[in-house]
Amino acid sequence: MTVRINARLDDELAAELEALRRKTGQTLTAIIEEALDAWVANTRTKTAISTFEECGFVGVAKGPADLARNSKKYLKDSLRKKT
């Protein structure tokens, strides 16, 4: 079974797609299928933590055990010490 898809691309992306078609000699369908296959494979293997790690948002820090529950209290205490 095949499914026909219509998509709207901005001029820049359409130009990139056309350049890929000319460079590789592949059809637009083949290029899009390959891109979607890669995206699906990448998405299946990703977890929330791996996404954050790639973006540099995950690290290690020390703090009180109840920091998540009492973050506002700790923030206020910290700000009071600075004034």
PDB file of N, CA and C in Angstrom:
ATOM      1  N   MET A   1       0.845  -1.183   0.000  1.00  0.00           N
ATOM      2  CA  MET A   1       0.000   0.000   0.000  1.00  0.00           C
ATOM      3  C   MET A   1       0.891   1.247   0.000  1.00  0.00           C
ATOM      4  N   THR A   2       0.506   2.247  -0.720  1.00  0.00           N
ATOM      5  CA  THR A   2       1.199   3.531  -0.703  1.00  0.00           C
ATOM      6  C   THR A   2       0.196   4.612  -0.354  1.00  0.00           C
ATOM      7  N   VAL A   3       0.713   5.662   0.228  1.00  0.00           N
ATOM      8  CA  VAL A   3      -0.118   6.810   0.615  1.00  0.00           C
ATOM      9  C   VAL A   3       0.450   8.041  -0.059  1.00  0.00           C
ATOM     10  N   ARG A   4      -0.408   8.815  -0.655  1.00  0.00           N
ATOM     11  CA  ARG A   4       0.020  10.060  -1.290  1.00  0.00           C
ATOM     12  C   ARG A   4      -0.092  11.174  -0.258  1.00  0.00           C
ATOM     13  N   ILE A   5       0.942  11.994  -0.162  1.00  0.00           N
ATOM     14  CA  ILE A   5       0.971  13.091   0.794  1.00  0.00           C
ATOM     15  C   ILE A   5       1.241  14.391   0.048  1.00  0.00           C
ATOM     16  N   ASN A   6       0.482  15.409   0.357  1.00  0.00           N
ATOM     17  CA  ASN A   6       0.743  16.753  -0.162  1.00  0.00           C
ATOM     18  C   ASN A   6       1.282  17.583   0.989  1.00  0.00           C
ATOM     19  N   ALA A   7       2.327  18.335   0.735  1.00  0.00           N
ATOM     20  CA  ALA A   7       2.922  19.155   1.794  1.00  0.00           C
ATOM     21  C   ALA A   7       3.280  20.521   1.240  1.00  0.00           C
ATOM     22  N   ARG A   8       3.183  21.515   2.077  1.00  0.00           N
ATOM     23  CA  ARG A   8       3.587  22.869   1.699  1.00  0.00           C
ATOM     24  C   ARG A   8       4.957  23.143   2.306  1.00  0.00           C
ATOM     25  N   LEU A   9       5.897  23.566   1.476  1.00  0.00           N
ATOM     26  CA  LEU A   9       7.246  23.886   1.922  1.00  0.00           C
ATOM     27  C   LEU A   9       7.522  25.345   1.627  1.00  0.00           C
ATOM     28  N   ASP A  10       8.260  25.990   2.520  1.00  0.00           N
ATOM     29  CA  ASP A  10       8.634  27.367   2.202  1.00  0.00           C
ATOM     30  C   ASP A  10       9.674  27.331   1.080  1.00  0.00           C
ATOM     31  N   ASP A  11       9.933  28.479   0.494  1.00  0.00           N
ATOM     32  CA  ASP A  11      10.815  28.544  -0.672  1.00  0.00           C
ATOM     33  C   ASP A  11      12.214  27.999  -0.379  1.00  0.00           C
ATOM     34  N   GLU A  12      12.733  28.304   0.801  1.00  0.00           N
ATOM     35  CA  GLU A  12      14.084  27.875   1.148  1.00  0.00           C
ATOM     36  C   GLU A  12      14.181  26.352   1.244  1.00  0.00           C
ATOM     37  N   LEU A  13      13.221  25.729   1.923  1.00  0.00           N
ATOM     38  CA  LEU A  13      13.242  24.277   2.059  1.00  0.00           C
ATOM     39  C   LEU A  13      12.984  23.592   0.715  1.00  0.00           C
ATOM     40  N   ALA A  14      12.099  24.158  -0.076  1.00  0.00           N
ATOM     41  CA  ALA A  14      11.833  23.605  -1.406  1.00  0.00           C
ATOM     42  C   ALA A  14      13.094  23.655  -2.265  1.00  0.00           C
ATOM     43  N   ALA A  15      13.851  24.740  -2.159  1.00  0.00           N
ATOM     44  CA  ALA A  15      15.102  24.867  -2.915  1.00  0.00           C
ATOM     45  C   ALA A  15      16.124  23.835  -2.443  1.00  0.00           C
ATOM     46  N   GLU A  16      16.195  23.615  -1.122  1.00  0.00           N
ATOM     47  CA  GLU A  16      17.108  22.600  -0.579  1.00  0.00           C
ATOM     48  C   GLU A  16      16.739  21.208  -1.093  1.00  0.00           C
ATOM     49  N   LEU A  17      15.457  20.930  -1.084  1.00  0.00           N
ATOM     50  CA  LEU A  17      14.977  19.637  -1.566  1.00  0.00           C
ATOM     51  C   LEU A  17      15.311  19.452  -3.048  1.00  0.00           C
ATOM     52  N   GLU A  18      15.101  20.465  -3.839  1.00  0.00           N
ATOM     53  CA  GLU A  18      15.415  20.399  -5.273  1.00  0.00           C
ATOM     54  C   GLU A  18      16.916  20.228  -5.487  1.00  0.00           C
ATOM     55  N   ALA A  19      17.728  20.925  -4.689  1.00  0.00           N
ATOM     56  CA  ALA A  19      19.183  20.789  -4.801  1.00  0.00           C
ATOM     57  C   ALA A  19      19.614  19.354  -4.469  1.00  0.00           C
ATOM     58  N   LEU A  20      19.005  18.765  -3.445  1.00  0.00           N
ATOM     59  CA  LEU A  20      19.302  17.372  -3.100  1.00  0.00           C
ATOM     60  C   LEU A  20      18.913  16.433  -4.239  1.00  0.00           C
ATOM     61  N   ARG A  21      17.771  16.691  -4.842  1.00  0.00           N
ATOM     62  CA  ARG A  21      17.306  15.854  -5.942  1.00  0.00           C
ATOM     63  C   ARG A  21      18.298  15.882  -7.097  1.00  0.00           C
ATOM     64  N   ARG A  22      18.749  17.089  -7.448  1.00  0.00           N
ATOM     65  CA  ARG A  22      19.715  17.225  -8.549  1.00  0.00           C
ATOM     66  C   ARG A  22      21.052  16.582  -8.184  1.00  0.00           C
ATOM     67  N   LYS A  23      21.507  16.819  -6.964  1.00  0.00           N
ATOM     68  CA  LYS A  23      22.821  16.323  -6.528  1.00  0.00           C
ATOM     69  C   LYS A  23      22.865  14.798  -6.454  1.00  0.00           C
ATOM     70  N   THR A  24      21.794  14.196  -5.924  1.00  0.00           N
ATOM     71  CA  THR A  24      21.792  12.746  -5.707  1.00  0.00           C
ATOM     72  C   THR A  24      21.201  11.961  -6.865  1.00  0.00           C
ATOM     73  N   GLY A  25      20.384  12.611  -7.682  1.00  0.00           N
ATOM     74  CA  GLY A  25      19.702  11.904  -8.752  1.00  0.00           C
ATOM     75  C   GLY A  25      18.519  11.080  -8.253  1.00  0.00           C
ATOM     76  N   GLN A  26      18.212  11.191  -6.966  1.00  0.00           N
ATOM     77  CA  GLN A  26      17.074  10.466  -6.411  1.00  0.00           C
ATOM     78  C   GLN A  26      15.780  11.229  -6.689  1.00  0.00           C
ATOM     79  N   THR A  27      14.681  10.508  -6.614  1.00  0.00           N
ATOM     80  CA  THR A  27      13.383  11.164  -6.750  1.00  0.00           C
ATOM     81  C   THR A  27      13.062  11.898  -5.450  1.00  0.00           C
ATOM     82  N   LEU A  28      12.121  12.848  -5.548  1.00  0.00           N
ATOM     83  CA  LEU A  28      11.679  13.539  -4.341  1.00  0.00           C
ATOM     84  C   LEU A  28      11.109  12.547  -3.334  1.00  0.00           C
ATOM     85  N   THR A  29      10.374  11.562  -3.824  1.00  0.00           N
ATOM     86  CA  THR A  29       9.799  10.540  -2.951  1.00  0.00           C
ATOM     87  C   THR A  29      10.894   9.803  -2.187  1.00  0.00           C
ATOM     88  N   ALA A  30      11.949   9.401  -2.880  1.00  0.00           N
ATOM     89  CA  ALA A  30      13.039   8.664  -2.239  1.00  0.00           C
ATOM     90  C   ALA A  30      13.728   9.512  -1.169  1.00  0.00           C
ATOM     91  N   ILE A  31      13.960  10.776  -1.471  1.00  0.00           N
ATOM     92  CA  ILE A  31      14.610  11.671  -0.503  1.00  0.00           C
ATOM     93  C   ILE A  31      13.741  11.845   0.730  1.00  0.00           C
ATOM     94  N   ILE A  32      12.462  12.077   0.527  1.00  0.00           N
ATOM     95  CA  ILE A  32      11.549  12.289   1.654  1.00  0.00           C
ATOM     96  C   ILE A  32      11.391  11.005   2.468  1.00  0.00           C
ATOM     97  N   GLU A  33      11.284   9.853   1.800  1.00  0.00           N
ATOM     98  CA  GLU A  33      11.187   8.579   2.521  1.00  0.00           C
ATOM     99  C   GLU A  33      12.420   8.349   3.388  1.00  0.00           C
ATOM    100  N   GLU A  34      13.591   8.612   2.837  1.00  0.00           N
ATOM    101  CA  GLU A  34      14.839   8.421   3.579  1.00  0.00           C
ATOM    102  C   GLU A  34      14.897   9.355   4.788  1.00  0.00           C
ATOM    103  N   ALA A  35      14.489  10.597   4.584  1.00  0.00           N
ATOM    104  CA  ALA A  35      14.493  11.565   5.682  1.00  0.00           C
ATOM    105  C   ALA A  35      13.509  11.157   6.777  1.00  0.00           C
ATOM    106  N   LEU A  36      12.326  10.719   6.392  1.00  0.00           N
ATOM    107  CA  LEU A  36      11.333  10.285   7.372  1.00  0.00           C
ATOM    108  C   LEU A  36      11.784   9.028   8.107  1.00  0.00           C
ATOM    109  N   ASP A  37      12.382   8.082   7.392  1.00  0.00           N
ATOM    110  CA  ASP A  37      12.912   6.882   8.037  1.00  0.00           C
ATOM    111  C   ASP A  37      13.949   7.242   9.095  1.00  0.00           C
ATOM    112  N   ALA A  38      14.855   8.160   8.761  1.00  0.00           N
ATOM    113  CA  ALA A  38      15.889   8.582   9.715  1.00  0.00           C
ATOM    114  C   ALA A  38      15.270   9.285  10.912  1.00  0.00           C
ATOM    115  N   TRP A  39      14.293  10.130  10.661  1.00  0.00           N
ATOM    116  CA  TRP A  39      13.634  10.860  11.749  1.00  0.00           C
ATOM    117  C   TRP A  39      12.907   9.898  12.683  1.00  0.00           C
ATOM    118  N   VAL A  40      12.188   8.935  12.114  1.00  0.00           N
ATOM    119  CA  VAL A  40      11.458   7.957  12.930  1.00  0.00           C
ATOM    120  C   VAL A  40      12.436   7.125  13.753  1.00  0.00           C
ATOM    121  N   ALA A  41      13.519   6.654  13.146  1.00  0.00           N
ATOM    122  CA  ALA A  41      14.508   5.860  13.874  1.00  0.00           C
ATOM    123  C   ALA A  41      15.114   6.663  15.012  1.00  0.00           C
ATOM    124  N   ASN A  42      15.419   7.917  14.767  1.00  0.00           N
ATOM    125  CA  ASN A  42      16.008   8.783  15.782  1.00  0.00           C
ATOM    126  C   ASN A  42      15.011   9.046  16.908  1.00  0.00           C
ATOM    127  N   THR A  43      13.769   9.257  16.566  1.00  0.00           N
ATOM    128  CA  THR A  43      12.740   9.549  17.559  1.00  0.00           C
ATOM    129  C   THR A  43      12.460   8.336  18.440  1.00  0.00           C
ATOM    130  N   ARG A  44      12.461   7.149  17.865  1.00  0.00           N
ATOM    131  CA  ARG A  44      12.193   5.936  18.642  1.00  0.00           C
ATOM    132  C   ARG A  44      13.248   5.690  19.703  1.00  0.00           C
ATOM    133  N   THR A  45      14.482   6.054  19.425  1.00  0.00           N
ATOM    134  CA  THR A  45      15.564   5.770  20.365  1.00  0.00           C
ATOM    135  C   THR A  45      15.743   6.876  21.391  1.00  0.00           C
ATOM    136  N   LYS A  46      15.088   7.993  21.206  1.00  0.00           N
ATOM    137  CA  LYS A  46      15.252   9.115  22.131  1.00  0.00           C
ATOM    138  C   LYS A  46      14.378   8.959  23.353  1.00  0.00           C
ATOM    139  N   THR A  47      14.941   9.367  24.453  1.00  0.00           N
ATOM    140  CA  THR A  47      14.179   9.478  25.690  1.00  0.00           C
ATOM    141  C   THR A  47      14.222  10.936  26.099  1.00  0.00           C
ATOM    142  N   ALA A  48      13.413  11.294  27.052  1.00  0.00           N
ATOM    143  CA  ALA A  48      13.428  12.682  27.518  1.00  0.00           C
ATOM    144  C   ALA A  48      14.814  13.049  28.032  1.00  0.00           C
ATOM    145  N   ILE A  49      15.422  12.166  28.787  1.00  0.00           N
ATOM    146  CA  ILE A  49      16.738  12.469  29.359  1.00  0.00           C
ATOM    147  C   ILE A  49      17.792  12.617  28.262  1.00  0.00           C
ATOM    148  N   SER A  50      17.731  11.783  27.206  1.00  0.00           N
ATOM    149  CA  SER A  50      18.733  11.904  26.144  1.00  0.00           C
ATOM    150  C   SER A  50      18.560  13.215  25.378  1.00  0.00           C
ATOM    151  N   THR A  51      17.328  13.651  25.222  1.00  0.00           N
ATOM    152  CA  THR A  51      17.076  14.927  24.555  1.00  0.00           C
ATOM    153  C   THR A  51      17.660  16.078  25.369  1.00  0.00           C
ATOM    154  N   PHE A  52      17.423  16.066  26.676  1.00  0.00           N
ATOM    155  CA  PHE A  52      17.979  17.109  27.528  1.00  0.00           C
ATOM    156  C   PHE A  52      19.502  17.058  27.556  1.00  0.00           C
ATOM    157  N   GLU A  53      20.066  15.860  27.584  1.00  0.00           N
ATOM    158  CA  GLU A  53      21.524  15.739  27.582  1.00  0.00           C
ATOM    159  C   GLU A  53      22.123  16.328  26.309  1.00  0.00           C
ATOM    160  N   GLU A  54      21.510  16.057  25.161  1.00  0.00           N
ATOM    161  CA  GLU A  54      21.993  16.605  23.893  1.00  0.00           C
ATOM    162  C   GLU A  54      21.971  18.125  23.889  1.00  0.00           C
ATOM    163  N   CYS A  55      20.989  18.693  24.569  1.00  0.00           N
ATOM    164  CA  CYS A  55      20.848  20.147  24.615  1.00  0.00           C
ATOM    165  C   CYS A  55      21.684  20.777  25.720  1.00  0.00           C
ATOM    166  N   GLY A  56      22.306  19.961  26.557  1.00  0.00           N
ATOM    167  CA  GLY A  56      23.128  20.487  27.641  1.00  0.00           C
ATOM    168  C   GLY A  56      22.340  20.923  28.858  1.00  0.00           C
ATOM    169  N   PHE A  57      21.105  20.458  28.999  1.00  0.00           N
ATOM    170  CA  PHE A  57      20.275  20.856  30.124  1.00  0.00           C
ATOM    171  C   PHE A  57      20.415  19.947  31.344  1.00  0.00           C
ATOM    172  N   VAL A  58      21.114  18.835  31.218  1.00  0.00           N
ATOM    173  CA  VAL A  58      21.199  17.889  32.323  1.00  0.00           C
ATOM    174  C   VAL A  58      22.563  17.996  32.965  1.00  0.00           C
ATOM    175  N   GLY A  59      22.568  18.065  34.272  1.00  0.00           N
ATOM    176  CA  GLY A  59      23.808  18.131  35.010  1.00  0.00           C
ATOM    177  C   GLY A  59      23.613  17.564  36.397  1.00  0.00           C
ATOM    178  N   VAL A  60      24.629  17.670  37.173  1.00  0.00           N
ATOM    179  CA  VAL A  60      24.580  17.175  38.538  1.00  0.00           C
ATOM    180  C   VAL A  60      24.741  18.362  39.471  1.00  0.00           C
ATOM    181  N   ALA A  61      23.956  18.374  40.505  1.00  0.00           N
ATOM    182  CA  ALA A  61      24.046  19.461  41.478  1.00  0.00           C
ATOM    183  C   ALA A  61      23.766  18.898  42.862  1.00  0.00           C
ATOM    184  N   LYS A  62      24.242  19.600  43.859  1.00  0.00           N
ATOM    185  CA  LYS A  62      23.980  19.211  45.238  1.00  0.00           C
ATOM    186  C   LYS A  62      22.991  20.192  45.830  1.00  0.00           C
ATOM    187  N   GLY A  63      22.141  19.698  46.678  1.00  0.00           N
ATOM    188  CA  GLY A  63      21.169  20.563  47.339  1.00  0.00           C
ATOM    189  C   GLY A  63      20.393  19.766  48.359  1.00  0.00           C
ATOM    190  N   PRO A  64      19.541  20.441  49.097  1.00  0.00           N
ATOM    191  CA  PRO A  64      18.738  19.756  50.099  1.00  0.00           C
ATOM    192  C   PRO A  64      17.810  18.729  49.459  1.00  0.00           C
ATOM    193  N   ALA A  65      17.509  17.675  50.194  1.00  0.00           N
ATOM    194  CA  ALA A  65      16.661  16.606  49.676  1.00  0.00           C
ATOM    195  C   ALA A  65      15.255  17.096  49.335  1.00  0.00           C
ATOM    196  N   ASP A  66      14.796  18.151  50.018  1.00  0.00           N
ATOM    197  CA  ASP A  66      13.431  18.658  49.783  1.00  0.00           C
ATOM    198  C   ASP A  66      13.413  19.885  48.875  1.00  0.00           C
ATOM    199  N   LEU A  67      14.463  20.087  48.115  1.00  0.00           N
ATOM    200  CA  LEU A  67      14.559  21.277  47.268  1.00  0.00           C
ATOM    201  C   LEU A  67      13.402  21.374  46.270  1.00  0.00           C
ATOM    202  N   ALA A  68      13.021  20.264  45.669  1.00  0.00           N
ATOM    203  CA  ALA A  68      11.937  20.299  44.685  1.00  0.00           C
ATOM    204  C   ALA A  68      10.621  20.748  45.326  1.00  0.00           C
ATOM    205  N   ARG A  69      10.367  20.277  46.542  1.00  0.00           N
ATOM    206  CA  ARG A  69       9.107  20.624  47.224  1.00  0.00           C
ATOM    207  C   ARG A  69       9.125  22.028  47.804  1.00  0.00           C
ATOM    208  N   ASN A  70      10.289  22.506  48.196  1.00  0.00           N
ATOM    209  CA  ASN A  70      10.381  23.789  48.893  1.00  0.00           C
ATOM    210  C   ASN A  70      11.255  24.793  48.150  1.00  0.00           C
ATOM    211  N   SER A  71      11.221  24.758  46.823  1.00  0.00           N
ATOM    212  CA  SER A  71      12.112  25.614  46.036  1.00  0.00           C
ATOM    213  C   SER A  71      11.883  27.099  46.306  1.00  0.00           C
ATOM    214  N   LYS A  72      10.623  27.518  46.479  1.00  0.00           N
ATOM    215  CA  LYS A  72      10.340  28.936  46.730  1.00  0.00           C
ATOM    216  C   LYS A  72      10.934  29.391  48.048  1.00  0.00           C
ATOM    217  N   LYS A  73      10.848  28.545  49.069  1.00  0.00           N
ATOM    218  CA  LYS A  73      11.423  28.876  50.375  1.00  0.00           C
ATOM    219  C   LYS A  73      12.934  29.065  50.248  1.00  0.00           C
ATOM    220  N   TYR A  74      13.593  28.123  49.562  1.00  0.00           N
ATOM    221  CA  TYR A  74      15.042  28.225  49.402  1.00  0.00           C
ATOM    222  C   TYR A  74      15.432  29.441  48.564  1.00  0.00           C
ATOM    223  N   LEU A  75      14.647  29.774  47.572  1.00  0.00           N
ATOM    224  CA  LEU A  75      14.925  30.965  46.766  1.00  0.00           C
ATOM    225  C   LEU A  75      14.803  32.219  47.608  1.00  0.00           C
ATOM    226  N   LYS A  76      13.718  32.316  48.404  1.00  0.00           N
ATOM    227  CA  LYS A  76      13.548  33.493  49.272  1.00  0.00           C
ATOM    228  C   LYS A  76      14.690  33.617  50.261  1.00  0.00           C
ATOM    229  N   ASP A  77      15.068  32.503  50.890  1.00  0.00           N
ATOM    230  CA  ASP A  77      16.190  32.515  51.848  1.00  0.00           C
ATOM    231  C   ASP A  77      17.456  32.993  51.178  1.00  0.00           C
ATOM    232  N   SER A  78      17.700  32.497  49.963  1.00  0.00           N
ATOM    233  CA  SER A  78      18.903  32.873  49.227  1.00  0.00           C
ATOM    234  C   SER A  78      18.917  34.363  48.894  1.00  0.00           C
ATOM    235  N   LEU A  79      17.760  34.884  48.483  1.00  0.00           N
ATOM    236  CA  LEU A  79      17.661  36.305  48.140  1.00  0.00           C
ATOM    237  C   LEU A  79      17.812  37.186  49.381  1.00  0.00           C
ATOM    238  N   ARG A  80      17.270  36.736  50.509  1.00  0.00           N
ATOM    239  CA  ARG A  80      17.422  37.507  51.762  1.00  0.00           C
ATOM    240  C   ARG A  80      18.888  37.649  52.139  1.00  0.00           C
ATOM    241  N   LYS A  81      19.656  36.578  51.951  1.00  0.00           N
ATOM    242  CA  LYS A  81      21.082  36.599  52.304  1.00  0.00           C
ATOM    243  C   LYS A  81      21.851  37.592  51.431  1.00  0.00           C
ATOM    244  N   LYS A  82      21.368  37.839  50.220  1.00  0.00           N
ATOM    245  CA  LYS A  82      22.067  38.730  49.299  1.00  0.00           C
ATOM    246  C   LYS A  82      21.745  40.198  49.553  1.00  0.00           C
ATOM    247  N   THR A  83      20.658  40.488  50.290  1.00  0.00           N
ATOM    248  CA  THR A  83      20.291  41.889  50.509  1.00  0.00           C
ATOM    249  C   THR A  83      20.797  42.417  51.810  1.00  0.00           C
TER     250      THR A  83
END
